[in-house]
Protein backbone atom coordinates (compact mmCIF):
# COMPACT_ATOMS: atom_id res chain seq x y z
CA ALA A 1 187.33 130.59 82.15
CA LYS A 2 186.46 129.61 85.80
CA LYS A 3 187.21 132.89 87.03
CA MET A 4 185.50 134.79 84.24
CA LYS A 5 182.36 132.52 85.20
CA LEU A 6 182.77 133.52 88.62
CA ILE A 7 183.01 137.17 87.95
CA LYS A 8 179.90 136.96 85.92
CA THR A 9 178.19 135.29 88.59
CA ILE A 10 179.16 137.64 91.10
CA PHE A 11 178.20 140.38 89.01
CA ILE A 12 174.72 139.11 88.18
CA ILE A 13 174.43 138.64 91.98
CA MET A 14 175.06 142.12 92.69
CA SER A 15 172.75 143.14 89.98
CA ILE A 16 169.90 141.45 91.39
CA TYR A 17 170.75 142.73 94.81
CA LEU A 18 170.91 146.34 93.62
CA SER A 19 167.88 146.14 91.64
CA LEU A 20 166.17 144.85 94.84
CA SER A 21 167.44 147.46 96.91
CA TYR A 22 166.61 150.27 94.78
CA SER A 23 163.10 149.22 92.69
CA GLN A 24 161.25 150.30 95.79
CA GLU A 25 161.17 152.80 98.47
CA VAL A 26 159.98 152.86 102.35
CA ILE A 27 160.00 155.39 104.87
CA LYS A 28 159.27 155.00 108.30
CA PHE A 29 157.67 157.60 110.63
CA ASP A 30 158.13 157.12 114.37
CA GLU A 31 159.58 159.02 117.42
CA ARG A 32 162.58 159.86 115.51
CA ASN A 33 161.22 161.76 112.75
CA SER A 34 157.43 162.78 113.91
CA PRO A 35 155.28 163.52 116.77
CA LEU A 36 154.16 159.60 116.45
CA LYS A 37 154.63 157.50 119.52
CA SER A 38 154.49 154.22 117.31
CA SER A 39 153.30 151.84 119.84
CA ASN A 40 150.16 153.71 120.04
CA ILE A 41 148.86 154.16 116.58
CA ASN A 42 145.24 153.00 116.04
CA CYS A 43 143.99 154.31 112.54
CA ILE A 44 144.87 156.24 109.32
CA ALA A 45 142.83 157.98 106.52
CA ILE A 46 143.68 160.15 103.60
CA ASP A 47 141.29 163.18 102.70
CA SER A 48 140.31 164.70 99.49
CA SER A 49 143.12 167.19 100.04
CA ASN A 50 145.68 164.33 100.18
CA SER A 51 146.26 165.14 103.69
CA VAL A 52 147.07 162.12 106.10
CA TRP A 53 145.20 161.77 109.34
CA ILE A 54 146.54 159.52 112.03
CA GLY A 55 144.83 158.62 115.28
CA THR A 56 146.42 157.33 118.49
CA ASN A 57 145.55 155.78 121.98
CA ASN A 58 147.18 158.72 123.92
CA LYS A 59 144.79 161.39 122.63
CA GLN A 60 146.53 162.39 119.66
CA LEU A 61 144.87 163.20 116.28
CA LEU A 62 147.82 164.34 113.60
CA LYS A 63 147.72 165.66 110.20
CA TYR A 64 150.37 165.55 107.86
CA LYS A 65 150.32 168.05 104.79
CA LEU A 66 154.03 169.38 104.14
CA GLN A 67 154.64 168.92 108.06
CA TRP A 68 153.02 166.93 110.88
CA ASN A 69 150.58 168.80 113.01
CA GLU A 70 148.65 168.06 116.11
CA VAL A 71 144.99 168.73 115.71
CA SER A 72 143.89 170.17 118.90
CA ASP A 73 141.00 172.02 118.15
CA ILE A 74 138.85 168.73 118.28
CA TRP A 75 139.57 168.63 121.98
CA ASP A 76 137.90 171.97 122.51
CA GLU A 77 134.60 169.96 122.08
CA ILE A 78 135.32 167.05 124.55
CA ASP A 79 137.38 166.36 127.69
CA SER A 80 140.61 165.55 126.34
CA SER A 81 141.71 163.93 129.66
CA ARG A 82 139.59 160.64 128.86
CA TYR A 83 139.46 160.06 125.11
CA ASP A 84 141.48 158.42 122.57
CA ILE A 85 141.27 158.33 118.66
CA GLY A 86 139.54 155.13 117.55
CA SER A 87 138.73 155.53 113.96
CA ILE A 88 138.95 157.84 110.85
CA GLU A 89 136.89 157.97 108.06
CA VAL A 90 136.50 160.26 105.23
CA SER A 91 133.00 160.90 103.65
CA PRO A 92 132.24 160.86 99.75
CA ASN A 93 131.97 164.69 100.23
CA GLY A 94 135.10 164.96 102.02
CA THR A 95 133.65 165.13 105.93
CA ILE A 96 136.40 163.75 108.18
CA TRP A 97 134.43 161.56 110.74
CA VAL A 98 136.30 160.66 113.82
CA SER A 99 135.58 158.23 116.71
CA VAL A 100 136.80 158.87 120.17
CA SER A 101 136.59 156.53 123.06
CA SER A 102 137.59 155.39 126.59
CA GLN A 103 136.81 152.86 129.36
CA PHE A 104 133.90 155.21 130.12
CA GLY A 105 132.36 155.93 126.88
CA GLY A 106 132.82 157.94 123.84
CA ASP A 107 131.30 159.71 120.94
CA VAL A 108 131.62 160.76 117.23
CA TYR A 109 132.90 163.96 115.76
CA PHE A 110 133.20 165.53 112.22
CA ASN A 111 135.26 168.32 110.44
CA ARG A 112 133.63 170.19 107.75
CA ASN A 113 135.22 172.92 105.95
CA ASP A 114 138.27 172.86 109.00
CA ASN A 115 135.45 173.20 111.44
CA TRP A 116 134.58 170.82 114.03
CA GLY A 117 131.08 169.60 115.34
CA GLY A 118 129.34 166.57 116.21
CA GLY A 119 129.22 164.73 119.22
CA ILE A 120 126.26 162.28 119.04
CA GLY A 121 124.77 161.69 122.27
CA TYR A 122 124.29 158.01 123.52
CA GLN A 123 121.64 157.48 125.96
CA TYR A 124 122.45 153.81 126.68
CA GLY A 125 125.21 153.77 129.31
CA THR A 126 129.00 153.65 128.66
CA TYR A 127 129.35 152.79 124.95
CA SER A 128 132.22 153.62 122.68
CA PRO A 129 131.91 153.73 118.90
CA GLY A 130 134.14 151.48 117.04
CA SER A 131 135.42 151.32 113.49
CA ILE A 132 132.92 153.68 111.35
CA TYR A 133 131.74 153.10 107.83
CA VAL A 134 130.33 156.26 106.09
CA GLU A 135 127.61 155.89 103.71
CA ASN A 136 127.26 159.62 103.29
CA ASP A 137 127.35 162.55 105.17
CA SER A 138 123.87 161.77 107.01
CA THR A 139 124.47 158.04 107.43
CA LEU A 140 127.25 156.59 109.68
CA TYR A 141 127.24 152.64 110.58
CA TYR A 142 129.61 151.43 113.57
CA PRO A 143 129.67 149.13 116.50
CA LEU A 144 128.77 150.22 119.83
CA ILE A 145 131.36 148.56 122.27
CA ASN A 146 130.05 148.09 125.75
CA MET A 147 132.91 149.61 128.24
CA TRP A 148 131.69 149.53 131.69
CA PRO A 149 130.81 147.08 133.09
CA HIS A 150 132.36 145.43 130.18
CA SER A 151 130.75 142.50 128.66
CA ILE A 152 130.96 141.33 124.83
CA MET A 153 127.54 140.19 124.69
CA ALA A 154 125.98 143.76 125.05
CA ASP A 155 127.53 145.42 122.34
CA MET A 156 125.08 147.07 119.81
CA VAL A 157 124.75 147.87 116.07
CA GLY A 158 124.79 151.76 115.93
CA ILE A 159 123.17 153.35 112.65
CA PHE A 160 123.27 157.04 112.80
CA ASN A 161 120.67 158.58 110.36
CA ASN A 162 119.52 162.06 109.84
CA ASP A 163 120.67 163.28 113.19
CA SER A 164 119.03 160.04 114.60
CA LEU A 165 120.89 157.21 116.31
CA HIS A 166 119.36 153.86 116.30
CA THR A 167 120.69 150.86 117.93
CA TYR A 168 120.07 147.18 117.82
CA PRO A 169 121.62 144.32 120.21
CA SER A 170 124.36 142.47 118.83
CA PRO A 171 127.08 140.43 120.48
CA CYS A 172 130.86 140.99 120.43
CA LEU A 173 130.86 143.18 117.43
CA LYS A 174 134.07 144.22 115.30
CA LYS A 175 132.38 145.96 112.44
CA VAL A 176 129.14 147.01 110.64
CA ILE A 177 128.62 147.77 107.03
CA PRO A 178 125.33 148.13 105.26
CA LEU A 179 123.65 145.77 102.80
CA ASN A 180 120.08 147.12 101.98
CA LYS A 181 117.99 149.44 103.87
CA ASP A 182 116.91 147.00 105.93
CA SER A 183 119.98 144.92 107.01
CA VAL A 184 123.45 145.03 107.83
CA LEU A 185 126.64 142.65 107.53
CA VAL A 186 128.46 142.26 111.00
CA SER A 187 131.63 140.85 111.86
CA ASN A 188 131.86 139.39 115.59
CA CYS A 189 133.76 136.68 117.51
CA PHE A 190 131.49 134.02 115.54
CA GLY A 191 132.68 135.20 112.27
CA ILE A 192 130.19 137.25 110.19
CA SER A 193 126.25 137.50 110.30
CA ILE A 194 123.43 139.29 108.57
CA TYR A 195 121.55 141.19 111.24
CA ASN A 196 118.08 142.71 110.26
CA ARG A 197 117.13 144.23 113.43
CA ASP A 198 114.71 141.42 114.35
CA SER A 199 117.23 138.60 113.78
CA ILE A 200 120.79 137.70 113.14
CA VAL A 201 122.16 134.91 111.00
CA THR A 202 125.62 133.80 110.87
CA ILE A 203 126.47 133.08 107.14
CA ASN A 204 130.03 131.95 107.38
CA PRO A 205 131.83 130.15 104.09
CA ASP A 206 132.68 126.50 104.34
CA GLU A 207 135.86 125.44 106.28
CA TRP A 208 136.81 128.84 107.72
CA ILE A 209 135.77 131.61 109.98
CA PRO A 210 136.42 135.29 108.59
CA GLU A 211 137.79 137.57 110.95
CA ASN A 212 136.72 140.96 109.77
CA ILE A 213 134.80 142.71 106.92
CA SER A 214 135.45 145.71 104.40
CA LYS A 215 133.29 147.53 101.91
CA ILE A 216 135.38 148.95 99.36
CA LYS A 217 134.20 150.58 96.15
CA ASN A 218 130.78 149.13 96.81
CA HIS A 219 132.06 145.55 96.93
CA ILE A 220 132.24 143.49 100.26
CA TYR A 221 135.27 141.59 101.09
CA ILE A 222 135.83 139.35 103.86
CA PHE A 223 138.89 138.11 105.28
CA GLY A 224 141.39 136.25 108.02
CA GLU A 225 143.09 133.14 106.95
CA LYS A 226 141.43 133.57 103.60
CA PHE A 227 140.16 136.05 101.10
CA SER A 228 136.62 135.99 99.62
CA LYS A 229 133.95 138.70 97.98
CA TYR A 230 130.86 138.42 99.54
CA GLU A 231 127.56 138.78 97.39
CA ASP A 232 123.94 137.70 97.70
CA TYR A 233 124.83 134.75 100.31
CA SER A 234 127.57 133.55 98.10
CA PHE A 235 131.19 133.70 98.37
CA PHE A 236 133.91 134.32 95.69
CA PRO A 237 137.45 133.18 96.93
CA TYR A 238 140.83 134.26 95.50
CA PRO A 239 142.74 131.18 95.48
CA GLU A 240 146.17 132.77 94.21
CA ILE A 241 145.58 134.85 97.38
CA ASP A 242 144.74 132.06 99.80
CA SER A 243 147.71 130.12 98.55
CA ALA A 244 150.11 132.89 99.23
CA LEU A 245 148.74 133.09 102.88
CA PHE A 246 148.76 129.46 103.39
CA LYS A 247 152.25 129.23 102.32
CA ASP A 248 153.83 131.56 104.96
CA SER A 249 150.95 130.87 107.58
CA LEU A 250 149.65 134.55 107.16
CA THR A 251 146.44 136.17 108.22
CA ILE A 252 144.99 139.20 106.37
CA THR A 253 144.46 142.17 108.70
CA SER A 254 143.74 144.98 106.48
CA VAL A 255 142.50 145.44 102.83
CA THR A 256 142.18 148.44 100.18
CA ILE A 257 142.22 148.63 96.33
CA GLU A 258 143.91 150.73 93.87
CA ASP A 259 142.75 151.81 90.56
CA GLU A 260 139.56 149.41 90.71
CA ASP A 261 141.48 146.04 90.46
CA ILE A 262 144.67 146.25 92.43
CA PHE A 263 144.46 144.64 95.88
CA TRP A 264 146.91 145.67 98.73
CA ILE A 265 146.68 143.39 101.53
CA GLY A 266 148.26 143.88 105.15
CA THR A 267 149.17 140.86 107.25
CA ASN A 268 149.52 139.98 110.43
CA LYS A 269 153.35 139.30 110.03
CA GLY A 270 153.81 142.86 108.32
CA ASP A 271 153.84 141.46 104.56
CA LEU A 272 152.38 143.56 102.11
CA ILE A 273 150.68 141.74 99.52
CA ARG A 274 149.86 143.22 96.04
CA PHE A 275 147.47 141.40 93.79
CA LYS A 276 146.71 141.90 90.33
CA GLU A 277 147.23 139.13 87.87
CA ASN A 278 150.20 137.98 90.15
CA ILE A 279 150.93 137.75 93.54
CA GLU A 280 153.80 140.23 94.81
CA ILE A 281 154.80 140.23 98.44
CA TYR A 282 156.70 142.94 100.03
CA LYS A 283 158.41 142.23 103.60
CA LEU A 284 158.53 145.75 105.31
CA THR A 285 157.99 145.12 109.15
CA GLU A 286 157.63 142.76 111.34
CA LYS A 287 154.50 143.69 113.04
CA SER A 288 150.91 143.36 112.15
CA ILE A 289 149.51 145.89 109.71
CA ILE A 290 146.58 147.67 111.10
CA GLU A 291 145.58 149.70 108.15
CA ILE A 292 146.26 150.60 104.60
CA GLU A 293 145.62 154.15 102.63
CA ILE A 294 146.68 155.01 99.32
CA ASP A 295 147.11 158.72 98.48
CA LYS A 296 146.58 160.26 95.17
CA TYR A 297 149.94 159.69 93.96
CA LYS A 298 149.82 156.09 94.51
CA ASN A 299 152.01 156.11 97.72
CA LYS A 300 150.80 153.63 100.09
CA TRP A 301 150.65 154.56 104.02
CA PHE A 302 150.28 151.74 106.45
CA ILE A 303 150.33 151.80 110.23
CA THR A 304 151.61 148.99 112.67
CA SER A 305 152.94 149.28 116.23
CA GLU A 306 156.16 150.03 114.97
CA GLY A 307 155.15 153.28 113.43
CA CYS A 308 153.71 154.76 110.14
CA PHE A 309 155.02 153.57 106.82
CA LEU A 310 155.00 155.16 103.42
CA PHE A 311 155.66 152.93 100.54
CA ASN A 312 155.98 152.66 97.04
CA GLU A 313 156.73 149.69 94.85
CA ASP A 314 158.51 152.19 92.18
CA LYS A 315 159.53 155.32 93.97
CA ILE A 316 157.72 157.32 96.44
CA VAL A 317 156.29 160.31 94.70
CA ASP A 318 156.66 163.61 96.56
CA VAL A 319 153.51 163.95 99.02
CA ASP A 320 153.79 167.41 99.76
CA ASN A 321 152.89 169.29 96.54
CA ASP A 322 151.83 168.56 93.11
CA ARG A 323 154.83 169.16 91.13
CA HIS A 324 154.99 165.54 90.12
CA SER A 325 151.57 165.23 88.67
CA HIS A 326 152.09 165.19 85.05
CA SER A 327 154.52 167.93 85.35
CA SER A 328 157.68 165.73 84.22
CA TYR A 329 158.49 162.58 82.55
CA LEU A 330 158.82 159.21 84.54
CA LEU A 331 159.95 155.91 83.49
CA SER A 332 159.59 153.59 86.70
CA GLN A 333 161.69 150.58 87.70
CA ASN A 334 159.72 147.67 86.58
CA TYR A 335 158.34 145.11 89.25
CA PRO A 336 158.71 142.67 90.17
CA ASN A 337 162.39 142.94 89.55
CA PRO A 338 163.95 140.30 89.28
CA PHE A 339 160.90 138.69 87.61
CA ASN A 340 159.38 135.58 86.00
CA PRO A 341 157.05 135.45 84.09
CA SER A 342 156.16 138.77 83.91
CA THR A 343 156.52 142.20 85.02
CA ILE A 344 155.11 145.84 84.77
CA ILE A 345 156.84 148.91 83.35
CA ARG A 346 155.02 152.43 84.44
CA TYR A 347 155.69 155.69 82.66
CA SER A 348 154.54 159.12 82.87
CA LEU A 349 154.19 161.58 80.04
CA PRO A 350 153.58 165.27 80.70
CA THR A 351 153.31 166.11 76.92
CA SER A 352 151.43 164.11 73.96
CA GLY A 353 153.60 162.76 71.42
CA MET A 354 155.04 159.86 69.69
CA THR A 355 156.58 157.33 72.46
CA LYS A 356 158.73 154.51 72.13
CA ILE A 357 159.96 151.95 74.59
CA TYR A 358 162.72 149.53 73.40
CA LEU A 359 164.03 146.22 75.15
CA TYR A 360 167.49 145.47 74.75
CA ASP A 361 169.84 142.55 75.91
CA ILE A 362 172.95 143.02 77.80
CA LEU A 363 175.26 143.49 74.91
CA GLY A 364 172.77 146.61 73.55
CA ARG A 365 171.34 144.42 70.81
CA GLU A 366 167.43 145.54 70.32
CA ILE A 367 165.15 142.31 71.43
CA MET A 368 161.66 143.95 70.88
CA ILE A 369 159.67 147.16 70.86
CA LEU A 370 157.15 147.57 73.67
CA VAL A 371 155.59 150.74 72.64
CA ASP A 372 155.74 152.71 69.24
CA GLU A 373 152.53 154.87 69.13
CA PHE A 374 151.13 158.47 69.69
CA LYS A 375 150.51 158.97 73.54
CA SER A 376 148.56 161.49 75.21
CA VAL A 377 149.37 163.12 78.44
CA GLY A 378 149.11 160.68 81.50
CA ASN A 379 150.18 157.79 83.35
CA TYR A 380 150.62 154.20 81.61
CA GLU A 381 151.88 150.75 82.45
CA ILE A 382 152.67 147.71 80.20
CA LYS A 383 153.11 144.09 80.88
CA VAL A 384 156.56 142.34 79.74
CA ASN A 385 156.44 138.74 79.48
CA ALA A 386 159.46 136.87 79.74
CA GLU A 387 158.59 133.54 78.02
CA TYR A 388 160.83 134.19 75.31
CA LEU A 389 163.62 135.57 77.26
CA SER A 390 166.52 133.77 78.64
CA ASN A 391 168.21 134.26 82.20
CA GLY A 392 170.20 137.47 82.45
CA ILE A 393 170.08 141.47 82.48
CA TYR A 394 168.18 143.44 79.95
CA PHE A 395 167.56 147.02 79.59
CA TYR A 396 164.44 149.10 78.69
CA ARG A 397 164.50 152.56 77.23
CA ILE A 398 161.83 154.85 76.69
CA ILE A 399 161.98 157.80 73.84
CA SER A 400 159.35 160.52 73.85
CA GLY A 401 159.71 164.07 72.40
CA HIS A 402 163.36 165.12 73.85
CA TYR A 403 163.17 162.87 76.79
CA SER A 404 165.15 159.51 76.83
CA GLU A 405 165.82 157.23 80.10
CA THR A 406 166.87 153.65 80.46
CA LYS A 407 166.86 151.34 83.34
CA LYS A 408 167.55 147.57 83.77
CA MET A 409 165.54 144.57 84.68
CA ILE A 410 166.51 140.82 85.62
CA VAL A 411 165.08 137.55 84.11
CA VAL A 412 165.69 134.90 86.64
CA LYS A 413 163.84 131.48 85.71
């Protein structure tokens, strides 16, 4: 009996290990498999054609679509011996905006319909543009960093509107985003402040100083050792995220949102946090996550000083073409796995029809029916609650048309 119990325990441990190993995928691009020099990566963006753009601090602008290509025609516009790529942003109309900089100044350029243009002349000495926020193709916001002689108290807010650049003094800037036509929100060495061209007012929340700000899908978020949404001089915290940060002494370095309500958060210790209703933490690297982007297949791209990472909590979907877009059935591995108290199952249907998903125990007995209805073509997800399930291994099976597939899940309480 003891021997059988030991064998069963080993089996469960191995099952947990295997499920953790294969329920997610990650690819790392560095010097070994790409033109990237990992320690020099500065920024990343994904355009409307699903091409990935990466900028470095050694005069590299790279584009990934089917393969890696170095974009050299931007340097036809400027002196390539001096400049590095500091920021890449994509406008709502698909224009690629790129800031380039050096210790002697910098400029902003754009790519529209595969043609480079731009070059916003500064008449204020040697200033370099920082992180760009694109309102539309005629309005940009960014900090102008004083480079020589360097003084953090001499930075300026830059607002480029209808081919004219307006600048306003504001010290030690990190990022600039618009609030309304008369004011902007800035992050600086004092936290966050509202600047209305005549005055600057610091408005940090109680008990902590935010390190950065981001405007995503028309909402403003502030972050650092905690995470909150900002709206009309008020702060709305996310206690679940704050608790996860505090527990592991993490600081937020980057944020993006998937499908309106799923937060993906990068940290200073290389953790990638997913938050919707529950916190899920993926330890994927040891270095601070600089920036995160999500492509149209829901793959997560992020950059660190170790390289560029491609990650999916289910399975990486081919980024080279559209053949996986509703062209085949897909039943994803549930996440998290093992889980308690709940987990998510995603599936894709290329054809409309009656669809059923069953849950079985390890002996093959049907526990419950998770889905039993007509489904149209598309991507779906369901939530499974383990409240009434005991510890152990379970299987879930989808049947739709002539397609069926079974995967394993593990409940650990």
